[in-house]
C-alpha cells in the first residue's frame, strides 16, 4: 500500500478516535455520510465536464476520503476494512475481464460486452437476486434509475419494437395527466416522466445527459436575458420576457 494511502487511513483512524478524535467525525454514521458521498461523486463529474484537471485531482481526493470514511466505520463495527474493499473490487474486475486476466478470448466488442453482462447476471444470481430489477440502486437520481430499469426490462425483451411505441405512449400519458383528478395527478406525472425517458432512450440518447445539457442551455439563456434586461426580470411583462428569450436565442444562432 502506498505511503500516502497509509497516511490517509491513519488520519481517518485518528479523526475517529473516540477519546482524542474530532467530535464531528466521531459522531458520523453510514447514513449521515452517504449524502456527502453522493455529492462528492457529482463534483468529480462536474470537474471532468469542465476539463479542470487541478479541480479533478482535488475532487477525486474528496471522493477517496468518502471510501476511507465508510471503510473505517465498517472496520470499527467489525464488518470489514479498507483492504477488504480493495480486495473485493480487484477480485470483481479480474472476474469480469476473463479475456484480460484469464485464458479466454474476447472475440468481438459485442461479444465482450455480452460476456460482461453475463458475468454480472451470474454475480446477481450468486447473491440471490431473482428479478431483472434487482441491483438497480434506489438512491440513483430518478431519471437515471428510470433509464436503468427500462434497460434491464429491454434485455428481457420487454421493450417497444420501434420509436413509434414510446412516442404514442408519451402522448397517452400527457392526456391522462391532463384529465387526472387532483389526487391522481402525482402518479400520472410520474408516468409521464417515465414515458419521456423511454422515448428518449429509444433514440439512443442518455436521458440524464440530455436533461443536463438542457439545464445548462436554459441557465445560459436566462442569464443572457438578465443581461439584456440590465438585471432582474421581475416586473417585466410576459411579452417582454418572451422577446428577451427570443433575442438571446437569435444571438446564439448568429
C-alpha atoms as a PDB file:
ATOM      1  CA  UNK A   1       0.000   0.000   0.000  1.00  0.00           C
ATOM      2  CA  UNK A   2       1.352   3.436  -0.920  1.00  0.00           C
ATOM      3  CA  UNK A   3       2.767   5.828   1.662  1.00  0.00           C
ATOM      4  CA  UNK A   4       0.087   8.457   1.000  1.00  0.00           C
ATOM      5  CA  UNK A   5      -2.772   5.968   1.197  1.00  0.00           C
ATOM      6  CA  UNK A   6      -1.453   4.674   4.512  1.00  0.00           C
ATOM      7  CA  UNK A   7      -1.218   8.278   5.649  1.00  0.00           C
ATOM      8  CA  UNK A   8      -4.865   8.899   4.734  1.00  0.00           C
ATOM      9  CA  UNK A   9      -6.011   5.744   6.532  1.00  0.00           C
ATOM     10  CA  UNK A  10      -4.063   6.818   9.623  1.00  0.00           C
ATOM     11  CA  UNK A  11      -5.596  10.303   9.515  1.00  0.00           C
ATOM     12  CA  UNK A  12      -9.102   8.858   9.386  1.00  0.00           C
ATOM     13  CA  UNK A  13      -8.344   6.474  12.272  1.00  0.00           C
ATOM     14  CA  UNK A  14      -7.112   9.430  14.305  1.00  0.00           C
ATOM     15  CA  UNK A  15     -10.165  11.540  13.460  1.00  0.00           C
ATOM     16  CA  UNK A  16     -12.479   8.692  14.504  1.00  0.00           C
ATOM     17  CA  UNK A  17     -10.692   8.017  17.788  1.00  0.00           C
ATOM     18  CA  UNK A  18     -13.423   8.096  20.472  1.00  0.00           C
ATOM     19  CA  UNK A  19     -11.204   9.843  23.018  1.00  0.00           C
ATOM     20  CA  UNK A  20      -8.841  12.066  21.044  1.00  0.00           C
ATOM     21  CA  UNK A  21     -10.515  12.375  17.681  1.00  0.00           C
ATOM     22  CA  UNK A  22     -12.683  15.038  16.054  1.00  0.00           C
ATOM     23  CA  UNK A  23     -16.095  15.293  17.694  1.00  0.00           C
ATOM     24  CA  UNK A  24     -17.856  15.731  14.328  1.00  0.00           C
ATOM     25  CA  UNK A  25     -16.107  12.781  12.659  1.00  0.00           C
ATOM     26  CA  UNK A  26     -16.731  10.508  15.635  1.00  0.00           C
ATOM     27  CA  UNK A  27     -20.442  11.329  15.600  1.00  0.00           C
ATOM     28  CA  UNK A  28     -20.963  10.340  11.955  1.00  0.00           C
ATOM     29  CA  UNK A  29     -22.660   7.160  10.720  1.00  0.00           C
ATOM     30  CA  UNK A  30     -23.037   5.477   7.329  1.00  0.00           C
ATOM     31  CA  UNK A  31     -26.378   7.235   6.883  1.00  0.00           C
ATOM     32  CA  UNK A  32     -25.102  10.721   7.742  1.00  0.00           C
ATOM     33  CA  UNK A  33     -22.058  10.400   5.476  1.00  0.00           C
ATOM     34  CA  UNK A  34     -23.936   8.925   2.488  1.00  0.00           C
ATOM     35  CA  UNK A  35     -25.210  12.316   1.195  1.00  0.00           C
ATOM     36  CA  UNK A  36     -21.644  13.653   1.170  1.00  0.00           C
ATOM     37  CA  UNK A  37     -20.520  10.592  -0.793  1.00  0.00           C
ATOM     38  CA  UNK A  38     -23.140  11.259  -3.459  1.00  0.00           C
ATOM     39  CA  UNK A  39     -22.286  14.958  -3.551  1.00  0.00           C
ATOM     40  CA  UNK A  40     -18.576  14.264  -3.992  1.00  0.00           C
ATOM     41  CA  UNK A  41     -19.282  11.902  -6.903  1.00  0.00           C
ATOM     42  CA  UNK A  42     -21.223  14.664  -8.644  1.00  0.00           C
ATOM     43  CA  UNK A  43     -18.408  17.139  -8.022  1.00  0.00           C
ATOM     44  CA  UNK A  44     -15.993  14.708  -9.677  1.00  0.00           C
ATOM     45  CA  UNK A  45     -18.298  14.552 -12.694  1.00  0.00           C
ATOM     46  CA  UNK A  46     -18.530  18.355 -12.765  1.00  0.00           C
ATOM     47  CA  UNK A  47     -14.737  18.749 -12.776  1.00  0.00           C
ATOM     48  CA  UNK A  48     -14.489  16.251 -15.643  1.00  0.00           C
ATOM     49  CA  UNK A  49     -17.158  18.088 -17.630  1.00  0.00           C
ATOM     50  CA  UNK A  50     -15.235  21.346 -17.184  1.00  0.00           C
ATOM     51  CA  UNK A  51     -11.947  19.587 -18.073  1.00  0.00           C
ATOM     52  CA  UNK A  52     -10.371  21.101 -14.956  1.00  0.00           C
ATOM     53  CA  UNK A  53      -7.625  18.636 -14.067  1.00  0.00           C
ATOM     54  CA  UNK A  54      -6.454  20.526 -10.980  1.00  0.00           C
ATOM     55  CA  UNK A  55     -10.011  20.519  -9.666  1.00  0.00           C
ATOM     56  CA  UNK A  56     -10.417  16.869 -10.633  1.00  0.00           C
ATOM     57  CA  UNK A  57      -7.387  15.882  -8.585  1.00  0.00           C
ATOM     58  CA  UNK A  58      -8.881  17.526  -5.512  1.00  0.00           C
ATOM     59  CA  UNK A  59     -12.373  16.139  -6.081  1.00  0.00           C
ATOM     60  CA  UNK A  60     -11.048  12.601  -6.542  1.00  0.00           C
ATOM     61  CA  UNK A  61      -9.299  13.032  -3.220  1.00  0.00           C
ATOM     62  CA  UNK A  62     -12.574  14.086  -1.618  1.00  0.00           C
ATOM     63  CA  UNK A  63     -14.287  11.032  -3.102  1.00  0.00           C
ATOM     64  CA  UNK A  64     -11.498   8.736  -1.898  1.00  0.00           C
ATOM     65  CA  UNK A  65     -11.949  10.185   1.576  1.00  0.00           C
ATOM     66  CA  UNK A  66     -15.564   9.045   1.479  1.00  0.00           C
ATOM     67  CA  UNK A  67     -14.475   5.461   0.736  1.00  0.00           C
ATOM     68  CA  UNK A  68     -11.936   5.619   3.546  1.00  0.00           C
ATOM     69  CA  UNK A  69     -14.527   7.089   5.937  1.00  0.00           C
ATOM     70  CA  UNK A  70     -17.087   4.350   5.274  1.00  0.00           C
ATOM     71  CA  UNK A  71     -14.391   1.674   5.448  1.00  0.00           C
ATOM     72  CA  UNK A  72     -13.162   2.971   8.779  1.00  0.00           C
ATOM     73  CA  UNK A  73     -16.651   2.941  10.289  1.00  0.00           C
ATOM     74  CA  UNK A  74     -17.165  -0.599   8.995  1.00  0.00           C
ATOM     75  CA  UNK A  75     -13.844  -1.707  10.493  1.00  0.00           C
ATOM     76  CA  UNK A  76     -14.773  -0.238  13.868  1.00  0.00           C
ATOM     77  CA  UNK A  77     -18.025  -2.205  13.767  1.00  0.00           C
ATOM     78  CA  UNK A  78     -16.192  -5.409  12.848  1.00  0.00           C
ATOM     79  CA  UNK A  79     -17.656  -5.715   9.335  1.00  0.00           C
ATOM     80  CA  UNK A  80     -14.704  -5.135   7.001  1.00  0.00           C
ATOM     81  CA  UNK A  81     -11.713  -2.847   6.462  1.00  0.00           C
ATOM     82  CA  UNK A  82     -10.359  -0.759   3.572  1.00  0.00           C
ATOM     83  CA  UNK A  83      -8.113  -3.628   2.487  1.00  0.00           C
ATOM     84  CA  UNK A  84     -11.205  -5.829   2.122  1.00  0.00           C
ATOM     85  CA  UNK A  85     -12.849  -3.183  -0.043  1.00  0.00           C
ATOM     86  CA  UNK A  86      -9.793  -3.027  -2.304  1.00  0.00           C
ATOM     87  CA  UNK A  87      -9.593  -6.824  -2.469  1.00  0.00           C
ATOM     88  CA  UNK A  88     -13.289  -7.092  -3.311  1.00  0.00           C
ATOM     89  CA  UNK A  89     -13.152  -4.698  -6.261  1.00  0.00           C
ATOM     90  CA  UNK A  90      -9.903  -6.247  -7.510  1.00  0.00           C
ATOM     91  CA  UNK A  91     -11.456  -9.713  -7.451  1.00  0.00           C
ATOM     92  CA  UNK A  92     -14.543  -8.394  -9.237  1.00  0.00           C
ATOM     93  CA  UNK A  93     -12.584  -6.647 -12.003  1.00  0.00           C
ATOM     94  CA  UNK A  94     -10.466  -9.726 -12.668  1.00  0.00           C
ATOM     95  CA  UNK A  95     -13.567 -11.931 -12.759  1.00  0.00           C
ATOM     96  CA  UNK A  96     -15.361  -9.562 -15.146  1.00  0.00           C
ATOM     97  CA  UNK A  97     -12.408  -9.415 -17.546  1.00  0.00           C
ATOM     98  CA  UNK A  98     -11.525 -13.073 -18.172  1.00  0.00           C
ATOM     99  CA  UNK A  99     -10.237 -12.127 -21.652  1.00  0.00           C
ATOM    100  CA  UNK A 100      -7.585  -9.994 -19.923  1.00  0.00           C
ATOM    101  CA  UNK A 101      -6.743 -11.913 -16.756  1.00  0.00           C
ATOM    102  CA  UNK A 102      -7.560 -15.485 -17.824  1.00  0.00           C
ATOM    103  CA  UNK A 103      -7.036 -17.662 -20.872  1.00  0.00           C
ATOM    104  CA  UNK A 104     -10.284 -16.562 -22.547  1.00  0.00           C
ATOM    105  CA  UNK A 105     -10.588 -14.971 -25.970  1.00  0.00           C
ATOM    106  CA  UNK A 106     -12.781 -11.870 -26.033  1.00  0.00           C
ATOM    107  CA  UNK A 107     -13.806 -12.021 -29.698  1.00  0.00           C
ATOM    108  CA  UNK A 108     -15.755  -9.027 -30.985  1.00  0.00           C
ATOM    109  CA  UNK A 109     -16.601  -5.945 -28.950  1.00  0.00           C
ATOM    110  CA  UNK A 110     -20.237  -7.068 -28.847  1.00  0.00           C
ATOM    111  CA  UNK A 111     -19.172 -10.475 -27.563  1.00  0.00           C
ATOM    112  CA  UNK A 112     -17.039  -8.866 -24.861  1.00  0.00           C
ATOM    113  CA  UNK A 113     -19.954  -6.647 -23.801  1.00  0.00           C
ATOM    114  CA  UNK A 114     -22.310  -9.618 -23.694  1.00  0.00           C
ATOM    115  CA  UNK A 115     -19.748 -11.537 -21.667  1.00  0.00           C
ATOM    116  CA  UNK A 116     -19.629  -8.648 -19.203  1.00  0.00           C
ATOM    117  CA  UNK A 117     -23.415  -8.682 -18.863  1.00  0.00           C
ATOM    118  CA  UNK A 118     -23.461 -12.480 -18.446  1.00  0.00           C
ATOM    119  CA  UNK A 119     -20.887 -12.263 -15.668  1.00  0.00           C
ATOM    120  CA  UNK A 120     -22.846  -9.515 -13.899  1.00  0.00           C
ATOM    121  CA  UNK A 121     -26.012 -11.617 -14.190  1.00  0.00           C
ATOM    122  CA  UNK A 122     -24.186 -14.592 -12.672  1.00  0.00           C
ATOM    123  CA  UNK A 123     -22.991 -12.380  -9.812  1.00  0.00           C
ATOM    124  CA  UNK A 124     -26.572 -11.276  -9.143  1.00  0.00           C
ATOM    125  CA  UNK A 125     -27.691 -14.909  -9.129  1.00  0.00           C
ATOM    126  CA  UNK A 126     -24.960 -15.759  -6.639  1.00  0.00           C
ATOM    127  CA  UNK A 127     -26.326 -13.025  -4.370  1.00  0.00           C
ATOM    128  CA  UNK A 128     -29.807 -14.498  -4.609  1.00  0.00           C
ATOM    129  CA  UNK A 129     -31.202 -11.831  -6.926  1.00  0.00           C
ATOM    130  CA  UNK A 130     -34.173 -13.340  -8.731  1.00  0.00           C
ATOM    131  CA  UNK A 131     -35.516 -10.374 -10.676  1.00  0.00           C
ATOM    132  CA  UNK A 132     -34.044  -8.449 -13.596  1.00  0.00           C
ATOM    133  CA  UNK A 133     -34.812  -5.356 -11.495  1.00  0.00           C
ATOM    134  CA  UNK A 134     -32.536  -6.427  -8.637  1.00  0.00           C
ATOM    135  CA  UNK A 135     -29.390  -4.374  -8.145  1.00  0.00           C
ATOM    136  CA  UNK A 136     -30.676  -1.066  -9.550  1.00  0.00           C
ATOM    137  CA  UNK A 137     -29.938   1.236  -6.618  1.00  0.00           C
ATOM    138  CA  UNK A 138     -32.879   3.220  -5.268  1.00  0.00           C
ATOM    139  CA  UNK A 139     -30.527   6.078  -4.369  1.00  0.00           C
ATOM    140  CA  UNK A 140     -29.783   6.808  -8.030  1.00  0.00           C
ATOM    141  CA  UNK A 141     -31.213  10.045  -9.459  1.00  0.00           C
ATOM    142  CA  UNK A 142     -34.764   9.227 -10.561  1.00  0.00           C
ATOM    143  CA  UNK A 143     -34.082   9.955 -14.232  1.00  0.00           C
ATOM    144  CA  UNK A 144     -31.024   7.704 -14.339  1.00  0.00           C
ATOM    145  CA  UNK A 145     -32.788   4.955 -12.381  1.00  0.00           C
ATOM    146  CA  UNK A 146     -35.722   5.032 -14.799  1.00  0.00           C
ATOM    147  CA  UNK A 147     -33.333   4.505 -17.701  1.00  0.00           C
ATOM    148  CA  UNK A 148     -31.572   1.625 -15.967  1.00  0.00           C
ATOM    149  CA  UNK A 149     -34.835  -0.100 -15.062  1.00  0.00           C
ATOM    150  CA  UNK A 150     -36.031   0.211 -18.649  1.00  0.00           C
ATOM    151  CA  UNK A 151     -32.751  -1.167 -19.995  1.00  0.00           C
ATOM    152  CA  UNK A 152     -32.998  -4.133 -17.634  1.00  0.00           C
ATOM    153  CA  UNK A 153     -36.509  -4.839 -18.913  1.00  0.00           C
ATOM    154  CA  UNK A 154     -35.382  -4.386 -22.527  1.00  0.00           C
ATOM    155  CA  UNK A 155     -32.692  -7.040 -22.092  1.00  0.00           C
ATOM    156  CA  UNK A 156     -35.505  -9.445 -21.206  1.00  0.00           C
ATOM    157  CA  UNK A 157     -37.421  -8.469 -24.357  1.00  0.00           C
ATOM    158  CA  UNK A 158     -39.906  -6.155 -22.639  1.00  0.00           C
ATOM    159  CA  UNK A 159     -39.499  -3.118 -24.893  1.00  0.00           C
ATOM    160  CA  UNK A 160     -41.126  -1.367 -27.837  1.00  0.00           C
ATOM    161  CA  UNK A 161     -40.021  -2.665 -31.253  1.00  0.00           C
ATOM    162  CA  UNK A 162     -39.669   0.868 -32.662  1.00  0.00           C
ATOM    163  CA  UNK A 163     -39.808   4.547 -31.716  1.00  0.00           C
ATOM    164  CA  UNK A 164     -43.497   4.912 -32.517  1.00  0.00           C
ATOM    165  CA  UNK A 165     -44.497   2.838 -29.493  1.00  0.00           C
ATOM    166  CA  UNK A 166     -42.907   5.037 -26.831  1.00  0.00           C
ATOM    167  CA  UNK A 167     -43.929   8.155 -28.775  1.00  0.00           C
ATOM    168  CA  UNK A 168     -47.593   7.123 -28.672  1.00  0.00           C
ATOM    169  CA  UNK A 169     -47.257   6.190 -25.003  1.00  0.00           C
ATOM    170  CA  UNK A 170     -45.929   9.659 -24.172  1.00  0.00           C
ATOM    171  CA  UNK A 171     -48.931  11.284 -25.860  1.00  0.00           C
ATOM    172  CA  UNK A 172     -51.229   8.918 -23.963  1.00  0.00           C
ATOM    173  CA  UNK A 173     -49.642   9.832 -20.632  1.00  0.00           C
ATOM    174  CA  UNK A 174     -49.933  13.555 -21.396  1.00  0.00           C
ATOM    175  CA  UNK A 175     -53.647  13.083 -21.919  1.00  0.00           C
ATOM    176  CA  UNK A 176     -54.041  11.082 -18.710  1.00  0.00           C
ATOM    177  CA  UNK A 177     -52.289  13.774 -16.687  1.00  0.00           C
ATOM    178  CA  UNK A 178     -54.481  16.483 -18.233  1.00  0.00           C
ATOM    179  CA  UNK A 179     -57.634  14.548 -17.321  1.00  0.00           C
ATOM    180  CA  UNK A 180     -56.495  13.266 -13.907  1.00  0.00           C
ATOM    181  CA  UNK A 181     -58.277  14.194 -10.703  1.00  0.00           C
ATOM    182  CA  UNK A 182     -56.126  16.167  -8.218  1.00  0.00           C
ATOM    183  CA  UNK A 183     -55.474  13.065  -6.102  1.00  0.00           C
ATOM    184  CA  UNK A 184     -54.183  11.190  -9.165  1.00  0.00           C
ATOM    185  CA  UNK A 185     -52.008  13.905 -10.690  1.00  0.00           C
ATOM    186  CA  UNK A 186     -48.890  12.927  -8.755  1.00  0.00           C
ATOM    187  CA  UNK A 187     -48.953   9.366 -10.085  1.00  0.00           C
ATOM    188  CA  UNK A 188     -49.814  10.462 -13.619  1.00  0.00           C
ATOM    189  CA  UNK A 189     -46.966  12.999 -13.575  1.00  0.00           C
ATOM    190  CA  UNK A 190     -44.550  10.195 -12.714  1.00  0.00           C
ATOM    191  CA  UNK A 191     -45.934   8.041 -15.520  1.00  0.00           C
ATOM    192  CA  UNK A 192     -45.459  10.927 -17.951  1.00  0.00           C
ATOM    193  CA  UNK A 193     -41.819  11.442 -16.974  1.00  0.00           C
ATOM    194  CA  UNK A 194     -41.149   7.700 -17.119  1.00  0.00           C
ATOM    195  CA  UNK A 195     -42.628   7.577 -20.625  1.00  0.00           C
ATOM    196  CA  UNK A 196     -40.469  10.530 -21.687  1.00  0.00           C
ATOM    197  CA  UNK A 197     -37.355   8.658 -20.540  1.00  0.00           C
ATOM    198  CA  UNK A 198     -38.456   5.652 -22.592  1.00  0.00           C
ATOM    199  CA  UNK A 199     -38.886   7.737 -25.733  1.00  0.00           C
ATOM    200  CA  UNK A 200     -35.527   9.472 -25.374  1.00  0.00           C
ATOM    201  CA  UNK A 201     -33.855   6.109 -24.737  1.00  0.00           C
ATOM    202  CA  UNK A 202     -35.441   4.775 -27.943  1.00  0.00           C
ATOM    203  CA  UNK A 203     -33.469   7.396 -29.852  1.00  0.00           C
ATOM    204  CA  UNK A 204     -30.246   6.058 -28.341  1.00  0.00           C
ATOM    205  CA  UNK A 205     -29.800   9.168 -26.202  1.00  0.00           C
ATOM    206  CA  UNK A 206     -28.908   9.063 -22.496  1.00  0.00           C
ATOM    207  CA  UNK A 207     -31.776  10.936 -20.791  1.00  0.00           C
ATOM    208  CA  UNK A 208     -29.610  12.135 -17.891  1.00  0.00           C
ATOM    209  CA  UNK A 209     -27.067  13.670 -20.287  1.00  0.00           C
ATOM    210  CA  UNK A 210     -29.769  15.227 -22.452  1.00  0.00           C
ATOM    211  CA  UNK A 211     -31.527  16.848 -19.495  1.00  0.00           C
ATOM    212  CA  UNK A 212     -28.240  18.099 -18.060  1.00  0.00           C
ATOM    213  CA  UNK A 213     -27.500  19.764 -21.396  1.00  0.00           C
ATOM    214  CA  UNK A 214     -30.982  21.283 -21.459  1.00  0.00           C
ATOM    215  CA  UNK A 215     -30.492  22.598 -17.924  1.00  0.00           C
ATOM    216  CA  UNK A 216     -27.229  24.247 -18.948  1.00  0.00           C
ATOM    217  CA  UNK A 217     -28.857  25.779 -22.016  1.00  0.00           C
ATOM    218  CA  UNK A 218     -31.775  27.175 -20.018  1.00  0.00           C
ATOM    219  CA  UNK A 219     -29.453  28.656 -17.392  1.00  0.00           C
ATOM    220  CA  UNK A 220     -27.219  30.203 -20.073  1.00  0.00           C
ATOM    221  CA  UNK A 221     -30.154  31.759 -21.900  1.00  0.00           C
ATOM    222  CA  UNK A 222     -31.805  33.026 -18.738  1.00  0.00           C
ATOM    223  CA  UNK A 223     -28.582  34.713 -17.687  1.00  0.00           C
ATOM    224  CA  UNK A 224     -28.458  36.249 -21.144  1.00  0.00           C
ATOM    225  CA  UNK A 225     -31.990  37.593 -20.672  1.00  0.00           C
ATOM    226  CA  UNK A 226     -30.997  39.130 -17.353  1.00  0.00           C
ATOM    227  CA  UNK A 227     -28.018  40.783 -19.001  1.00  0.00           C
ATOM    228  CA  UNK A 228     -30.152  42.260 -21.774  1.00  0.00           C
ATOM    229  CA  UNK A 229     -32.677  43.486 -19.204  1.00  0.00           C
ATOM    230  CA  UNK A 230     -29.954  45.122 -17.128  1.00  0.00           C
ATOM    231  CA  UNK A 231     -30.680  42.969 -14.091  1.00  0.00           C
ATOM    232  CA  UNK A 232     -33.678  41.117 -12.765  1.00  0.00           C
ATOM    233  CA  UNK A 233     -36.604  40.133 -14.994  1.00  0.00           C
ATOM    234  CA  UNK A 234     -39.007  40.748 -12.124  1.00  0.00           C
ATOM    235  CA  UNK A 235     -41.626  43.294 -13.052  1.00  0.00           C
ATOM    236  CA  UNK A 236     -41.271  42.809 -16.814  1.00  0.00           C
ATOM    237  CA  UNK A 237     -44.345  41.746 -18.730  1.00  0.00           C
ATOM    238  CA  UNK A 238     -44.520  38.201 -20.052  1.00  0.00           C
ATOM    239  CA  UNK A 239     -44.422  39.560 -23.611  1.00  0.00           C
ATOM    240  CA  UNK A 240     -41.214  41.474 -22.841  1.00  0.00           C
ATOM    241  CA  UNK A 241     -39.640  38.426 -21.226  1.00  0.00           C
ATOM    242  CA  UNK A 242     -40.555  36.314 -24.259  1.00  0.00           C
ATOM    243  CA  UNK A 243     -38.945  38.905 -26.533  1.00  0.00           C
ATOM    244  CA  UNK A 244     -35.754  38.803 -24.482  1.00  0.00           C
ATOM    245  CA  UNK A 245     -35.771  34.985 -24.698  1.00  0.00           C
ATOM    246  CA  UNK A 246     -36.070  35.135 -28.467  1.00  0.00           C
ATOM    247  CA  UNK A 247     -33.314  37.766 -28.649  1.00  0.00           C
ATOM    248  CA  UNK A 248     -30.949  35.521 -26.699  1.00  0.00           C
ATOM    249  CA  UNK A 249     -31.788  32.539 -28.910  1.00  0.00           C
ATOM    250  CA  UNK A 250     -31.193  34.620 -32.042  1.00  0.00           C
ATOM    251  CA  UNK A 251     -27.877  35.847 -30.691  1.00  0.00           C
ATOM    252  CA  UNK A 252     -26.763  32.248 -30.029  1.00  0.00           C
ATOM    253  CA  UNK A 253     -27.654  31.175 -33.542  1.00  0.00           C
ATOM    254  CA  UNK A 254     -25.955  34.241 -35.001  1.00  0.00           C
END
